[in-house]
Amino acid sequence: MIVDPADRRGLRGPPIVVVLALLVGACSSDRPGDEVAASEGAALYEAHCAMCHGAGLEGGGPMAAGLPVEPPSLFEHLGHHTEEQLIGLIRSGVPPAMPPAPISDDEVRRIIDYAWTQLPDSLAATLREMQRQMEAESGGAEMDHSAMGHEVSGDTTGR
């Protein structure tokens, strides 16, 4: 049956364009299960990170003002560290303000997956490419966590 798109009488449900957009979006993640991990990551982030890093992952959470160093935007770190480095930073903490996180590597990965879902697509693509370059350059090398800076530049594009 051929239906004129202008004549939707008798048709129920969303237009096919909306359905296709949802399907494409659901299939666009880098790793299988990212959506589930990101959902679980949101809950973990809320429980372990949001008080300092804020609801928008950009620093300035309710406890931020009382810390010796302002918590940075997490977006600044996504492209500047490998995933393993991010896990190490989060698990071991970053003195003087960030204590070690009492969560597993897998839970940290879920938080990282959640953080990626909060970026605009254009910025996510840029930061993912930066992270791929970091991973290629590091070759699995460990990072000196004590040398990491904490200043928030306001520029999360890595420029």
Protein backbone atom coordinates (compact mmCIF):
# COMPACT_ATOMS: atom_id res chain seq x y z
CA MET A 1 0.00 0.00 0.00
CA ILE A 2 1.45 3.37 -1.01
CA VAL A 3 0.52 6.23 1.27
CA ASP A 4 0.97 9.89 0.50
CA PRO A 5 3.11 11.28 3.39
CA ALA A 6 0.80 14.28 3.60
CA ASP A 7 -2.15 11.95 4.22
CA ARG A 8 -1.42 10.16 7.51
CA ARG A 9 -5.04 9.32 8.23
CA GLY A 10 -5.30 5.81 9.49
CA LEU A 11 -1.58 5.59 10.33
CA ARG A 12 -0.58 5.42 13.96
CA GLY A 13 2.80 5.82 15.58
CA PRO A 14 5.76 8.07 14.95
CA PRO A 15 6.91 8.93 11.45
CA ILE A 16 9.45 6.49 9.98
CA VAL A 17 12.15 9.19 10.10
CA VAL A 18 11.87 9.34 13.89
CA VAL A 19 12.04 5.55 14.19
CA LEU A 20 15.11 5.39 11.92
CA ALA A 21 16.83 8.18 13.86
CA LEU A 22 16.30 6.32 17.12
CA LEU A 23 17.61 3.08 15.65
CA VAL A 24 20.72 4.74 14.22
CA GLY A 25 21.38 6.49 17.54
CA ALA A 26 21.04 3.23 19.44
CA CYS A 27 23.58 1.56 17.17
CA SER A 28 26.18 4.32 17.18
CA SER A 29 28.17 3.54 20.33
CA ASP A 30 31.82 2.56 20.20
CA ARG A 31 31.46 -0.53 22.38
CA PRO A 32 28.65 -3.03 22.80
CA GLY A 33 26.61 -2.34 25.90
CA ASP A 34 27.68 1.32 26.17
CA GLU A 35 24.10 2.43 26.76
CA VAL A 36 23.69 0.10 29.73
CA ALA A 37 27.13 0.99 31.06
CA ALA A 38 26.38 4.70 30.69
CA SER A 39 23.07 4.33 32.52
CA GLU A 40 24.77 2.48 35.37
CA GLY A 41 27.58 5.02 35.15
CA ALA A 42 25.13 7.87 35.72
CA ALA A 43 24.05 6.31 39.01
CA LEU A 44 27.67 5.67 40.03
CA TYR A 45 28.64 9.23 39.08
CA GLU A 46 25.79 10.61 41.16
CA ALA A 47 26.86 8.51 44.16
CA HIS A 48 30.63 9.04 43.98
CA CYS A 49 31.45 12.15 41.92
CA ALA A 50 28.64 14.68 41.57
CA MET A 51 29.11 16.29 45.00
CA CYS A 52 32.44 17.71 43.81
CA HIS A 53 32.31 17.62 40.01
CA GLY A 54 28.68 18.75 39.75
CA ALA A 55 25.62 17.42 37.98
CA GLY A 56 26.93 18.60 34.60
CA LEU A 57 30.40 17.03 35.06
CA GLU A 58 31.95 20.49 34.74
CA GLY A 59 33.15 21.02 38.31
CA GLY A 60 31.43 23.25 40.81
CA GLY A 61 29.44 20.62 42.70
CA PRO A 62 27.94 21.41 46.12
CA MET A 63 31.18 20.52 47.96
CA ALA A 64 33.54 22.21 45.47
CA ALA A 65 33.82 25.54 47.31
CA GLY A 66 35.18 23.84 50.43
CA LEU A 67 37.97 21.97 48.64
CA PRO A 68 41.61 23.16 48.48
CA VAL A 69 41.53 22.86 44.65
CA GLU A 70 38.53 23.47 42.41
CA PRO A 71 37.36 20.17 40.85
CA PRO A 72 37.96 20.27 37.09
CA SER A 73 35.50 19.62 34.33
CA LEU A 74 35.68 15.92 33.60
CA PHE A 75 35.40 16.75 29.91
CA GLU A 76 38.90 18.25 30.06
CA HIS A 77 40.32 14.85 30.92
CA LEU A 78 38.54 12.60 28.43
CA GLY A 79 40.77 13.48 25.49
CA HIS A 80 43.94 14.07 27.46
CA HIS A 81 44.29 10.64 29.06
CA THR A 82 43.91 7.05 27.99
CA GLU A 83 41.06 5.11 29.53
CA GLU A 84 43.53 3.22 31.72
CA GLN A 85 45.05 6.50 32.91
CA LEU A 86 41.58 7.83 33.75
CA ILE A 87 40.83 4.68 35.72
CA GLY A 88 44.12 5.07 37.59
CA LEU A 89 43.43 8.73 38.37
CA ILE A 90 39.94 8.03 39.66
CA ARG A 91 40.87 4.90 41.63
CA SER A 92 44.00 6.36 43.25
CA GLY A 93 42.72 9.91 43.73
CA VAL A 94 44.47 13.17 42.99
CA PRO A 95 45.71 14.97 46.11
CA PRO A 96 45.03 17.36 47.66
CA ALA A 97 41.32 17.43 46.79
CA MET A 98 40.27 14.14 45.22
CA PRO A 99 40.35 11.08 47.45
CA PRO A 100 40.75 7.57 46.04
CA ALA A 101 37.45 6.21 44.74
CA PRO A 102 36.35 3.02 46.54
CA ILE A 103 34.96 1.48 43.34
CA SER A 104 36.13 -1.16 40.88
CA ASP A 105 37.80 -0.60 37.51
CA ASP A 106 34.57 -1.75 35.85
CA GLU A 107 32.54 0.80 37.80
CA VAL A 108 35.00 3.54 36.81
CA ARG A 109 34.63 2.47 33.16
CA ARG A 110 30.87 2.88 33.52
CA ILE A 111 31.35 6.41 34.86
CA ILE A 112 33.67 7.19 31.94
CA ASP A 113 31.10 5.78 29.49
CA TYR A 114 28.49 8.02 31.09
CA ALA A 115 30.77 11.07 30.78
CA TRP A 116 31.18 10.42 27.04
CA THR A 117 27.40 10.42 26.61
CA GLN A 118 27.17 13.90 28.10
CA LEU A 119 29.35 15.56 25.46
CA PRO A 120 28.01 17.18 22.29
CA ASP A 121 28.71 14.86 19.34
CA SER A 122 31.12 17.32 17.71
CA LEU A 123 33.23 17.62 20.86
CA ALA A 124 33.04 13.89 21.57
CA ALA A 125 34.48 13.08 18.15
CA THR A 126 37.39 15.47 18.71
CA LEU A 127 38.13 14.18 22.21
CA ARG A 128 37.85 10.52 21.16
CA GLU A 129 40.43 11.16 18.45
CA MET A 130 42.69 12.86 21.00
CA GLN A 131 42.26 9.89 23.32
CA ARG A 132 43.11 7.44 20.51
CA GLN A 133 46.30 9.42 19.87
CA MET A 134 47.13 9.35 23.59
CA GLU A 135 46.62 5.59 23.65
CA ALA A 136 48.83 5.12 20.58
CA GLU A 137 51.56 7.31 22.08
CA SER A 138 51.45 5.82 25.57
CA GLY A 139 51.64 2.20 24.53
CA GLY A 140 50.26 1.30 27.96
CA ALA A 141 52.80 3.42 29.85
CA GLU A 142 51.80 4.39 33.38
CA MET A 143 51.10 8.03 34.16
CA ASP A 144 52.64 10.04 36.98
CA HIS A 145 49.47 11.12 38.80
CA SER A 146 51.30 13.49 41.12
CA ALA A 147 52.38 15.71 38.22
CA MET A 148 48.85 16.30 36.97
CA GLY A 149 47.56 19.88 36.96
CA HIS A 150 44.14 20.83 38.28
CA GLU A 151 43.43 24.23 36.83
CA VAL A 152 40.13 24.56 35.01
CA SER A 153 40.69 26.48 31.80
CA GLY A 154 37.08 26.63 30.72
CA ASP A 155 38.14 25.30 27.31
CA THR A 156 37.11 21.67 27.07
CA THR A 157 38.05 21.33 23.41
CA GLY A 158 41.71 20.55 24.12
CA ARG A 159 42.95 23.56 22.09
